[in-house]
PDB file of N, CA and C in Angstrom:
ATOM      1  N   MET A   1     -11.046  23.422 -11.241  1.00  0.00           N
ATOM      2  CA  MET A   1     -10.655  22.517 -10.270  1.00  0.00           C
ATOM      3  C   MET A   1     -11.265  22.484  -9.002  1.00  0.00           C
ATOM      4  N   ASP A   2     -11.955  21.973  -8.701  1.00  0.00           N
ATOM      5  CA  ASP A   2     -12.345  21.963  -6.930  1.00  0.00           C
ATOM      6  C   ASP A   2     -11.329  21.597  -6.031  1.00  0.00           C
ATOM      7  N   PHE A   3     -10.579  22.453  -5.044  1.00  0.00           N
ATOM      8  CA  PHE A   3      -9.698  21.689  -4.288  1.00  0.00           C
ATOM      9  C   PHE A   3     -10.371  21.779  -2.647  1.00  0.00           C
ATOM     10  N   THR A   4     -11.975  21.850  -2.907  1.00  0.00           N
ATOM     11  CA  THR A   4     -12.496  21.428  -1.692  1.00  0.00           C
ATOM     12  C   THR A   4     -12.179  20.393  -1.347  1.00  0.00           C
ATOM     13  N   PHE A   5     -11.953  19.949  -0.184  1.00  0.00           N
ATOM     14  CA  PHE A   5     -11.313  18.499   0.419  1.00  0.00           C
ATOM     15  C   PHE A   5     -12.873  17.767   0.925  1.00  0.00           C
ATOM     16  N   ASN A   6     -12.983  16.470   0.550  1.00  0.00           N
ATOM     17  CA  ASN A   6     -13.604  15.556   1.166  1.00  0.00           C
ATOM     18  C   ASN A   6     -13.436  15.126   2.512  1.00  0.00           C
ATOM     19  N   ASP A   7     -14.723  14.606   3.262  1.00  0.00           N
ATOM     20  CA  ASP A   7     -14.438  14.273   4.634  1.00  0.00           C
ATOM     21  C   ASP A   7     -13.113  13.110   4.719  1.00  0.00           C
ATOM     22  N   GLU A   8     -12.676  12.577   3.879  1.00  0.00           N
ATOM     23  CA  GLU A   8     -11.658  11.624   4.111  1.00  0.00           C
ATOM     24  C   GLU A   8     -10.468  11.938   3.646  1.00  0.00           C
ATOM     25  N   GLN A   9     -10.075  13.169   2.829  1.00  0.00           N
ATOM     26  CA  GLN A   9      -9.004  14.247   2.964  1.00  0.00           C
ATOM     27  C   GLN A   9      -8.871  14.949   3.613  1.00  0.00           C
ATOM     28  N   GLN A  10      -9.989  15.373   4.063  1.00  0.00           N
ATOM     29  CA  GLN A  10      -9.681  16.424   5.447  1.00  0.00           C
ATOM     30  C   GLN A  10      -8.931  15.614   6.753  1.00  0.00           C
ATOM     31  N   GLN A  11      -9.506  14.578   6.781  1.00  0.00           N
ATOM     32  CA  GLN A  11      -9.578  13.455   7.927  1.00  0.00           C
ATOM     33  C   GLN A  11      -8.032  12.898   7.785  1.00  0.00           C
ATOM     34  N   LEU A  12      -7.350  12.905   6.687  1.00  0.00           N
ATOM     35  CA  LEU A  12      -5.967  12.691   6.233  1.00  0.00           C
ATOM     36  C   LEU A  12      -5.194  13.569   6.366  1.00  0.00           C
ATOM     37  N   ALA A  13      -5.676  14.790   5.918  1.00  0.00           N
ATOM     38  CA  ALA A  13      -4.698  16.092   6.383  1.00  0.00           C
ATOM     39  C   ALA A  13      -4.847  16.174   8.165  1.00  0.00           C
ATOM     40  N   ASP A  14      -5.986  16.027   8.912  1.00  0.00           N
ATOM     41  CA  ASP A  14      -5.925  16.216  10.145  1.00  0.00           C
ATOM     42  C   ASP A  14      -4.543  14.958  10.777  1.00  0.00           C
ATOM     43  N   ALA A  15      -4.773  13.996  10.146  1.00  0.00           N
ATOM     44  CA  ALA A  15      -4.089  12.673  10.941  1.00  0.00           C
ATOM     45  C   ALA A  15      -2.205  13.009  10.575  1.00  0.00           C
ATOM     46  N   LEU A  16      -2.387  13.536   9.249  1.00  0.00           N
ATOM     47  CA  LEU A  16      -0.867  13.858   8.887  1.00  0.00           C
ATOM     48  C   LEU A  16      -0.480  14.638   9.742  1.00  0.00           C
ATOM     49  N   ARG A  17      -1.430  16.037  10.096  1.00  0.00           N
ATOM     50  CA  ARG A  17      -0.713  17.115  10.566  1.00  0.00           C
ATOM     51  C   ARG A  17      -0.558  16.816  11.664  1.00  0.00           C
ATOM     52  N   ARG A  18      -1.323  16.086  12.474  1.00  0.00           N
ATOM     53  CA  ARG A  18      -1.280  15.620  13.945  1.00  0.00           C
ATOM     54  C   ARG A  18       0.289  14.841  14.237  1.00  0.00           C
ATOM     55  N   TYR A  19       0.333  14.301  13.440  1.00  0.00           N
ATOM     56  CA  TYR A  19       1.804  13.364  13.533  1.00  0.00           C
ATOM     57  C   TYR A  19       2.630  14.498  13.329  1.00  0.00           C
ATOM     58  N   LEU A  20       2.813  14.991  12.392  1.00  0.00           N
ATOM     59  CA  LEU A  20       3.813  15.950  11.931  1.00  0.00           C
ATOM     60  C   LEU A  20       4.050  16.950  12.875  1.00  0.00           C
ATOM     61  N   ASP A  21       3.080  17.413  13.465  1.00  0.00           N
ATOM     62  CA  ASP A  21       3.317  18.657  14.554  1.00  0.00           C
ATOM     63  C   ASP A  21       3.828  17.783  15.761  1.00  0.00           C
ATOM     64  N   LYS A  22       3.551  16.345  16.175  1.00  0.00           N
ATOM     65  CA  LYS A  22       4.122  15.807  16.944  1.00  0.00           C
ATOM     66  C   LYS A  22       5.452  15.197  16.919  1.00  0.00           C
ATOM     67  N   GLN A  23       5.884  14.748  15.940  1.00  0.00           N
ATOM     68  CA  GLN A  23       7.008  13.653  15.598  1.00  0.00           C
ATOM     69  C   GLN A  23       7.930  14.466  14.947  1.00  0.00           C
ATOM     70  N   TYR A  24       7.543  15.892  13.999  1.00  0.00           N
ATOM     71  CA  TYR A  24       8.496  16.184  12.916  1.00  0.00           C
ATOM     72  C   TYR A  24       9.017  17.511  13.146  1.00  0.00           C
ATOM     73  N   GLY A  25       8.973  17.952  14.454  1.00  0.00           N
ATOM     74  CA  GLY A  25       9.366  19.431  14.691  1.00  0.00           C
ATOM     75  C   GLY A  25      10.620  19.797  14.033  1.00  0.00           C
ATOM     76  N   PHE A  26      11.733  21.095  14.726  1.00  0.00           N
ATOM     77  CA  PHE A  26      12.522  21.551  14.240  1.00  0.00           C
ATOM     78  C   PHE A  26      13.795  20.539  14.748  1.00  0.00           C
ATOM     79  N   ASP A  27      13.914  19.828  15.835  1.00  0.00           N
ATOM     80  CA  ASP A  27      14.927  19.167  16.278  1.00  0.00           C
ATOM     81  C   ASP A  27      15.159  17.799  15.589  1.00  0.00           C
ATOM     82  N   ALA A  28      13.652  17.390  15.527  1.00  0.00           N
ATOM     83  CA  ALA A  28      13.636  15.967  14.877  1.00  0.00           C
ATOM     84  C   ALA A  28      14.073  16.054  13.381  1.00  0.00           C
ATOM     85  N   ARG A  29      13.313  17.255  12.608  1.00  0.00           N
ATOM     86  CA  ARG A  29      14.074  17.216  11.373  1.00  0.00           C
ATOM     87  C   ARG A  29      15.383  17.311  11.075  1.00  0.00           C
ATOM     88  N   SER A  30      15.971  18.109  12.229  1.00  0.00           N
ATOM     89  CA  SER A  30      17.336  18.263  12.204  1.00  0.00           C
ATOM     90  C   SER A  30      18.409  17.084  12.394  1.00  0.00           C
ATOM     91  N   ALA A  31      17.856  16.332  13.441  1.00  0.00           N
ATOM     92  CA  ALA A  31      18.524  15.307  13.973  1.00  0.00           C
ATOM     93  C   ALA A  31      18.325  14.244  12.018  1.00  0.00           C
ATOM     94  N   VAL A  32      17.375  13.964  11.449  1.00  0.00           N
ATOM     95  CA  VAL A  32      17.556  13.200  10.107  1.00  0.00           C
ATOM     96  C   VAL A  32      18.455  13.835   9.257  1.00  0.00           C
ATOM     97  N   ILE A  33      18.445  15.294   9.358  1.00  0.00           N
ATOM     98  CA  ILE A  33      19.375  16.131   8.028  1.00  0.00           C
ATOM     99  C   ILE A  33      20.809  15.354   8.461  1.00  0.00           C
ATOM    100  N   ARG A  34      20.982  15.500   9.662  1.00  0.00           N
ATOM    101  CA  ARG A  34      22.445  15.471  10.480  1.00  0.00           C
ATOM    102  C   ARG A  34      22.586  13.619  10.362  1.00  0.00           C
ATOM    103  N   SER A  35      21.943  12.814  10.091  1.00  0.00           N
ATOM    104  CA  SER A  35      22.043  11.598  10.193  1.00  0.00           C
ATOM    105  C   SER A  35      22.926  10.891   8.969  1.00  0.00           C
ATOM    106  N   GLU A  36      23.356  10.114   9.104  1.00  0.00           N
ATOM    107  CA  GLU A  36      24.302   9.073   7.761  1.00  0.00           C
ATOM    108  C   GLU A  36      23.080   9.229   6.340  1.00  0.00           C
ATOM    109  N   ALA A  37      21.885   8.458   6.772  1.00  0.00           N
ATOM    110  CA  ALA A  37      20.981   7.822   5.950  1.00  0.00           C
ATOM    111  C   ALA A  37      20.282   9.366   5.300  1.00  0.00           C
ATOM    112  N   GLY A  38      20.184  10.566   5.732  1.00  0.00           N
ATOM    113  CA  GLY A  38      19.499  11.706   5.737  1.00  0.00           C
ATOM    114  C   GLY A  38      17.957  11.701   5.251  1.00  0.00           C
ATOM    115  N   VAL A  39      17.680  10.385   5.905  1.00  0.00           N
ATOM    116  CA  VAL A  39      16.298  10.275   5.898  1.00  0.00           C
ATOM    117  C   VAL A  39      15.889   9.355   7.239  1.00  0.00           C
ATOM    118  N   SER A  40      14.496   9.057   7.219  1.00  0.00           N
ATOM    119  CA  SER A  40      14.272   8.410   8.359  1.00  0.00           C
ATOM    120  C   SER A  40      13.274   7.299   8.331  1.00  0.00           C
ATOM    121  N   ASP A  41      13.714   6.300   8.598  1.00  0.00           N
ATOM    122  CA  ASP A  41      12.911   4.591   8.824  1.00  0.00           C
ATOM    123  C   ASP A  41      11.758   5.053   9.385  1.00  0.00           C
ATOM    124  N   ALA A  42      11.817   5.252  10.430  1.00  0.00           N
ATOM    125  CA  ALA A  42      11.051   5.463  11.408  1.00  0.00           C
ATOM    126  C   ALA A  42       9.412   6.635  10.684  1.00  0.00           C
ATOM    127  N   HIS A  43       9.625   7.650   9.986  1.00  0.00           N
ATOM    128  CA  HIS A  43       9.012   8.694   9.394  1.00  0.00           C
ATOM    129  C   HIS A  43       8.256   8.047   8.252  1.00  0.00           C
ATOM    130  N   TRP A  44       9.417   7.453   7.596  1.00  0.00           N
ATOM    131  CA  TRP A  44       8.630   6.306   6.108  1.00  0.00           C
ATOM    132  C   TRP A  44       7.729   5.542   6.770  1.00  0.00           C
ATOM    133  N   SER A  45       8.088   4.639   8.075  1.00  0.00           N
ATOM    134  CA  SER A  45       7.227   3.584   8.266  1.00  0.00           C
ATOM    135  C   SER A  45       5.663   4.377   8.783  1.00  0.00           C
ATOM    136  N   ALA A  46       5.620   5.393   9.664  1.00  0.00           N
ATOM    137  CA  ALA A  46       4.644   6.149  10.082  1.00  0.00           C
ATOM    138  C   ALA A  46       3.846   6.918   8.546  1.00  0.00           C
ATOM    139  N   PHE A  47       4.486   7.223   7.703  1.00  0.00           N
ATOM    140  CA  PHE A  47       4.161   7.471   6.157  1.00  0.00           C
ATOM    141  C   PHE A  47       3.134   6.131   5.818  1.00  0.00           C
ATOM    142  N   ALA A  48       3.975   5.051   5.834  1.00  0.00           N
ATOM    143  CA  ALA A  48       3.061   4.062   5.394  1.00  0.00           C
ATOM    144  C   ALA A  48       1.963   3.602   6.302  1.00  0.00           C
ATOM    145  N   GLU A  49       1.927   3.745   7.664  1.00  0.00           N
ATOM    146  CA  GLU A  49       0.884   3.480   8.362  1.00  0.00           C
ATOM    147  C   GLU A  49      -0.402   4.366   8.153  1.00  0.00           C
ATOM    148  N   LEU A  50       0.306   5.551   8.061  1.00  0.00           N
ATOM    149  CA  LEU A  50      -0.960   6.360   7.610  1.00  0.00           C
ATOM    150  C   LEU A  50      -1.575   6.274   6.022  1.00  0.00           C
ATOM    151  N   GLY A  51      -1.093   5.421   5.187  1.00  0.00           N
ATOM    152  CA  GLY A  51      -1.710   5.215   4.052  1.00  0.00           C
ATOM    153  C   GLY A  51      -1.046   5.837   2.596  1.00  0.00           C
ATOM    154  N   LEU A  52      -0.194   6.939   3.264  1.00  0.00           N
ATOM    155  CA  LEU A  52       0.976   8.005   2.214  1.00  0.00           C
ATOM    156  C   LEU A  52       1.370   7.022   1.316  1.00  0.00           C
ATOM    157  N   THR A  53       2.172   5.966   1.662  1.00  0.00           N
ATOM    158  CA  THR A  53       3.108   5.339   0.391  1.00  0.00           C
ATOM    159  C   THR A  53       2.071   4.432  -0.599  1.00  0.00           C
ATOM    160  N   ALA A  54       0.905   3.989  -0.265  1.00  0.00           N
ATOM    161  CA  ALA A  54      -0.196   3.583  -1.120  1.00  0.00           C
ATOM    162  C   ALA A  54      -1.311   4.436  -1.986  1.00  0.00           C
ATOM    163  N   LEU A  55      -0.858   5.733  -1.411  1.00  0.00           N
ATOM    164  CA  LEU A  55      -2.457   6.502  -2.169  1.00  0.00           C
ATOM    165  C   LEU A  55      -1.533   6.773  -3.451  1.00  0.00           C
ATOM    166  N   PRO A  56      -0.810   6.711  -4.144  1.00  0.00           N
ATOM    167  CA  PRO A  56      -0.629   7.178  -5.618  1.00  0.00           C
ATOM    168  C   PRO A  56      -0.533   5.558  -6.564  1.00  0.00           C
ATOM    169  N   VAL A  57      -0.671   4.482  -5.561  1.00  0.00           N
ATOM    170  CA  VAL A  57      -0.271   3.407  -6.364  1.00  0.00           C
ATOM    171  C   VAL A  57      -2.168   2.722  -6.795  1.00  0.00           C
ATOM    172  N   PRO A  58      -2.128   2.181  -7.953  1.00  0.00           N
ATOM    173  CA  PRO A  58      -3.378   1.779  -7.991  1.00  0.00           C
ATOM    174  C   PRO A  58      -4.405   0.615  -7.550  1.00  0.00           C
ATOM    175  N   GLU A  59      -5.397   0.957  -7.303  1.00  0.00           N
ATOM    176  CA  GLU A  59      -6.188  -0.504  -6.490  1.00  0.00           C
ATOM    177  C   GLU A  59      -5.813  -1.757  -6.786  1.00  0.00           C
ATOM    178  N   ALA A  60      -5.874  -1.572  -8.188  1.00  0.00           N
ATOM    179  CA  ALA A  60      -5.310  -3.224  -8.713  1.00  0.00           C
ATOM    180  C   ALA A  60      -3.895  -3.681  -7.960  1.00  0.00           C
ATOM    181  N   HIS A  61      -3.142  -2.974  -7.847  1.00  0.00           N
ATOM    182  CA  HIS A  61      -1.645  -3.444  -7.158  1.00  0.00           C
ATOM    183  C   HIS A  61      -1.821  -3.216  -5.615  1.00  0.00           C
ATOM    184  N   GLY A  62      -2.970  -3.187  -4.792  1.00  0.00           N
ATOM    185  CA  GLY A  62      -3.086  -2.710  -3.358  1.00  0.00           C
ATOM    186  C   GLY A  62      -2.824  -1.644  -3.128  1.00  0.00           C
ATOM    187  N   GLY A  63      -3.106  -0.595  -3.729  1.00  0.00           N
ATOM    188  CA  GLY A  63      -3.065   0.646  -3.411  1.00  0.00           C
ATOM    189  C   GLY A  63      -4.384   1.521  -3.224  1.00  0.00           C
ATOM    190  N   PHE A  64      -4.392   2.857  -3.154  1.00  0.00           N
ATOM    191  CA  PHE A  64      -5.942   3.631  -3.017  1.00  0.00           C
ATOM    192  C   PHE A  64      -5.877   4.129  -4.197  1.00  0.00           C
ATOM    193  N   SER A  65      -5.164   4.406  -5.192  1.00  0.00           N
ATOM    194  CA  SER A  65      -5.752   4.788  -6.538  1.00  0.00           C
ATOM    195  C   SER A  65      -6.046   6.720  -6.251  1.00  0.00           C
ATOM    196  N   GLY A  66      -4.729   7.372  -5.582  1.00  0.00           N
ATOM    197  CA  GLY A  66      -5.329   8.511  -4.931  1.00  0.00           C
ATOM    198  C   GLY A  66      -5.375   9.622  -6.244  1.00  0.00           C
ATOM    199  N   SER A  67      -6.073  10.455  -6.393  1.00  0.00           N
ATOM    200  CA  SER A  67      -6.525  11.334  -7.270  1.00  0.00           C
ATOM    201  C   SER A  67      -5.631  12.898  -6.988  1.00  0.00           C
ATOM    202  N   ALA A  68      -5.597  13.312  -7.668  1.00  0.00           N
ATOM    203  CA  ALA A  68      -4.492  14.717  -7.943  1.00  0.00           C
ATOM    204  C   ALA A  68      -4.467  15.474  -6.516  1.00  0.00           C
ATOM    205  N   VAL A  69      -6.266  15.636  -6.153  1.00  0.00           N
ATOM    206  CA  VAL A  69      -6.464  16.049  -4.660  1.00  0.00           C
ATOM    207  C   VAL A  69      -5.761  15.376  -3.717  1.00  0.00           C
ATOM    208  N   ASP A  70      -6.116  14.277  -3.832  1.00  0.00           N
ATOM    209  CA  ASP A  70      -5.524  13.417  -2.669  1.00  0.00           C
ATOM    210  C   ASP A  70      -3.893  13.718  -2.501  1.00  0.00           C
ATOM    211  N   MET A  71      -2.937  13.709  -3.598  1.00  0.00           N
ATOM    212  CA  MET A  71      -1.788  13.790  -3.455  1.00  0.00           C
ATOM    213  C   MET A  71      -2.074  15.311  -2.912  1.00  0.00           C
ATOM    214  N   LEU A  72      -2.626  16.562  -3.602  1.00  0.00           N
ATOM    215  CA  LEU A  72      -2.314  18.035  -2.715  1.00  0.00           C
ATOM    216  C   LEU A  72      -2.288  17.817  -1.267  1.00  0.00           C
ATOM    217  N   VAL A  73      -3.463  17.273  -0.549  1.00  0.00           N
ATOM    218  CA  VAL A  73      -3.817  17.290   0.616  1.00  0.00           C
ATOM    219  C   VAL A  73      -2.203  16.708   1.219  1.00  0.00           C
ATOM    220  N   VAL A  74      -1.888  15.536   0.816  1.00  0.00           N
ATOM    221  CA  VAL A  74      -0.259  15.029   1.348  1.00  0.00           C
ATOM    222  C   VAL A  74       0.618  15.817   1.206  1.00  0.00           C
ATOM    223  N   MET A  75       0.897  16.473   0.084  1.00  0.00           N
ATOM    224  CA  MET A  75       1.994  17.616  -0.259  1.00  0.00           C
ATOM    225  C   MET A  75       1.804  18.614   0.440  1.00  0.00           C
ATOM    226  N   GLN A  76       0.534  19.419   0.519  1.00  0.00           N
ATOM    227  CA  GLN A  76       0.558  20.593   1.475  1.00  0.00           C
ATOM    228  C   GLN A  76       1.159  20.485   2.982  1.00  0.00           C
ATOM    229  N   GLU A  77       0.636  19.621   3.414  1.00  0.00           N
ATOM    230  CA  GLU A  77       0.796  18.992   4.768  1.00  0.00           C
ATOM    231  C   GLU A  77       2.786  18.922   5.072  1.00  0.00           C
ATOM    232  N   LEU A  78       3.213  17.927   4.191  1.00  0.00           N
ATOM    233  CA  LEU A  78       4.352  17.833   4.317  1.00  0.00           C
ATOM    234  C   LEU A  78       4.970  18.676   3.590  1.00  0.00           C
ATOM    235  N   GLY A  79       4.658  19.786   2.875  1.00  0.00           N
ATOM    236  CA  GLY A  79       5.501  21.200   2.625  1.00  0.00           C
ATOM    237  C   GLY A  79       5.426  21.972   4.008  1.00  0.00           C
ATOM    238  N   ARG A  80       3.988  22.182   4.626  1.00  0.00           N
ATOM    239  CA  ARG A  80       4.033  22.919   5.562  1.00  0.00           C
ATOM    240  C   ARG A  80       5.043  22.532   6.951  1.00  0.00           C
ATOM    241  N   ALA A  81       5.130  21.148   6.881  1.00  0.00           N
ATOM    242  CA  ALA A  81       6.049  20.707   8.050  1.00  0.00           C
ATOM    243  C   ALA A  81       7.663  20.672   7.848  1.00  0.00           C
ATOM    244  N   LEU A  82       8.025  21.044   6.195  1.00  0.00           N
ATOM    245  CA  LEU A  82       9.218  20.905   6.033  1.00  0.00           C
ATOM    246  C   LEU A  82       9.955  19.661   5.749  1.00  0.00           C
ATOM    247  N   VAL A  83       9.186  18.764   5.496  1.00  0.00           N
ATOM    248  CA  VAL A  83       9.272  17.050   5.532  1.00  0.00           C
ATOM    249  C   VAL A  83      10.857  16.959   4.473  1.00  0.00           C
ATOM    250  N   ILE A  84      11.527  16.365   4.854  1.00  0.00           N
ATOM    251  CA  ILE A  84      12.689  16.387   3.793  1.00  0.00           C
ATOM    252  C   ILE A  84      13.144  14.652   2.985  1.00  0.00           C
ATOM    253  N   GLU A  85      11.994  13.929   3.631  1.00  0.00           N
ATOM    254  CA  GLU A  85      12.181  12.763   3.262  1.00  0.00           C
ATOM    255  C   GLU A  85      11.129  12.790   1.608  1.00  0.00           C
ATOM    256  N   PRO A  86      12.016  11.926   0.565  1.00  0.00           N
ATOM    257  CA  PRO A  86      11.616  12.123  -0.408  1.00  0.00           C
ATOM    258  C   PRO A  86      10.087  11.893  -1.170  1.00  0.00           C
ATOM    259  N   TYR A  87       9.210  11.985  -0.385  1.00  0.00           N
ATOM    260  CA  TYR A  87       7.698  11.295  -0.809  1.00  0.00           C
ATOM    261  C   TYR A  87       7.571  11.502  -2.133  1.00  0.00           C
ATOM    262  N   TRP A  88       7.621  12.842  -2.828  1.00  0.00           N
ATOM    263  CA  TRP A  88       6.887  13.471  -4.102  1.00  0.00           C
ATOM    264  C   TRP A  88       7.821  12.385  -5.117  1.00  0.00           C
ATOM    265  N   ALA A  89       9.293  12.461  -5.143  1.00  0.00           N
ATOM    266  CA  ALA A  89      10.048  11.825  -6.199  1.00  0.00           C
ATOM    267  C   ALA A  89       9.416  10.290  -5.985  1.00  0.00           C
ATOM    268  N   THR A  90       9.343   9.376  -4.950  1.00  0.00           N
ATOM    269  CA  THR A  90       8.833   8.266  -4.696  1.00  0.00           C
ATOM    270  C   THR A  90       7.291   8.310  -5.147  1.00  0.00           C
ATOM    271  N   ALA A  91       6.332   9.090  -4.989  1.00  0.00           N
ATOM    272  CA  ALA A  91       5.189   9.142  -5.861  1.00  0.00           C
ATOM    273  C   ALA A  91       5.284   9.187  -7.493  1.00  0.00           C
ATOM    274  N   VAL A  92       6.104  10.138  -7.560  1.00  0.00           N
ATOM    275  CA  VAL A  92       6.569   9.996  -9.217  1.00  0.00           C
ATOM    276  C   VAL A  92       6.697   8.853  -9.978  1.00  0.00           C
ATOM    277  N   SER A  93       7.682   8.328  -9.104  1.00  0.00           N
ATOM    278  CA  SER A  93       8.353   7.040  -9.570  1.00  0.00           C
ATOM    279  C   SER A  93       7.092   5.674  -9.674  1.00  0.00           C
ATOM    280  N   VAL A  94       6.384   5.649  -8.593  1.00  0.00           N
ATOM    281  CA  VAL A  94       5.212   5.063  -8.881  1.00  0.00           C
ATOM    282  C   VAL A  94       4.540   5.194  -9.842  1.00  0.00           C
ATOM    283  N   GLU A  95       4.081   6.150 -10.599  1.00  0.00           N
ATOM    284  CA  GLU A  95       3.311   6.220 -11.644  1.00  0.00           C
ATOM    285  C   GLU A  95       4.404   6.410 -13.024  1.00  0.00           C
ATOM    286  N   ALA A  96       5.513   6.454 -12.818  1.00  0.00           N
ATOM    287  CA  ALA A  96       6.296   6.058 -14.015  1.00  0.00           C
ATOM    288  C   ALA A  96       6.113   4.417 -14.045  1.00  0.00           C
ATOM    289  N   LEU A  97       6.660   3.962 -13.365  1.00  0.00           N
ATOM    290  CA  LEU A  97       6.321   2.517 -12.942  1.00  0.00           C
ATOM    291  C   LEU A  97       5.221   1.970 -13.726  1.00  0.00           C
ATOM    292  N   ARG A  98       4.145   2.565 -12.994  1.00  0.00           N
ATOM    293  CA  ARG A  98       2.606   2.180 -13.827  1.00  0.00           C
ATOM    294  C   ARG A  98       2.593   2.279 -15.148  1.00  0.00           C
ATOM    295  N   ALA A  99       3.092   3.496 -15.601  1.00  0.00           N
ATOM    296  CA  ALA A  99       2.937   4.177 -16.950  1.00  0.00           C
ATOM    297  C   ALA A  99       3.583   3.284 -18.053  1.00  0.00           C
ATOM    298  N   GLY A 100       4.632   2.635 -17.028  1.00  0.00           N
ATOM    299  CA  GLY A 100       5.727   1.859 -17.942  1.00  0.00           C
ATOM    300  C   GLY A 100       5.089   0.609 -18.372  1.00  0.00           C
ATOM    301  N   GLY A 101       4.274   0.152 -17.328  1.00  0.00           N
ATOM    302  CA  GLY A 101       3.951  -1.386 -17.160  1.00  0.00           C
ATOM    303  C   GLY A 101       2.953  -1.180 -18.546  1.00  0.00           C
ATOM    304  N   LYS A 102       2.274  -0.200 -18.656  1.00  0.00           N
ATOM    305  CA  LYS A 102       1.170  -0.353 -19.549  1.00  0.00           C
ATOM    306  C   LYS A 102       1.435  -0.428 -20.850  1.00  0.00           C
ATOM    307  N   ARG A 103       2.509   0.283 -21.430  1.00  0.00           N
ATOM    308  CA  ARG A 103       3.024   0.600 -22.847  1.00  0.00           C
ATOM    309  C   ARG A 103       4.041  -1.145 -23.075  1.00  0.00           C
ATOM    310  N   ALA A 104       4.166  -2.016 -21.544  1.00  0.00           N
ATOM    311  CA  ALA A 104       5.127  -3.113 -21.990  1.00  0.00           C
ATOM    312  C   ALA A 104       3.807  -3.850 -22.223  1.00  0.00           C
ATOM    313  N   GLY A 105       2.907  -3.780 -21.687  1.00  0.00           N
ATOM    314  CA  GLY A 105       1.583  -5.219 -21.348  1.00  0.00           C
ATOM    315  C   GLY A 105       1.016  -5.040 -22.549  1.00  0.00           C
TER     316      GLY A 105
END
């Protein structure tokens, strides 16, 4: 499998890295961890604005039908920044719902 990022994937990685470098430093992450919710609505909103929440969703349902390499781009940057929001669990849930819908339909 070729893990060389295309231009769009590199732009996504760069945009996500810029956001995380500016908004998700040690102090910001610590504040989220200490919060009652344990996750940040502001960060989830930013992830949505960057298209991360639509990435694993099929185009037929308003998403981007992201590939495994697209997801790698995101997970690499989220891991680099030690993001605690449950992005991967959410993405896997989307896939499970999609797969379940195929069987039911």
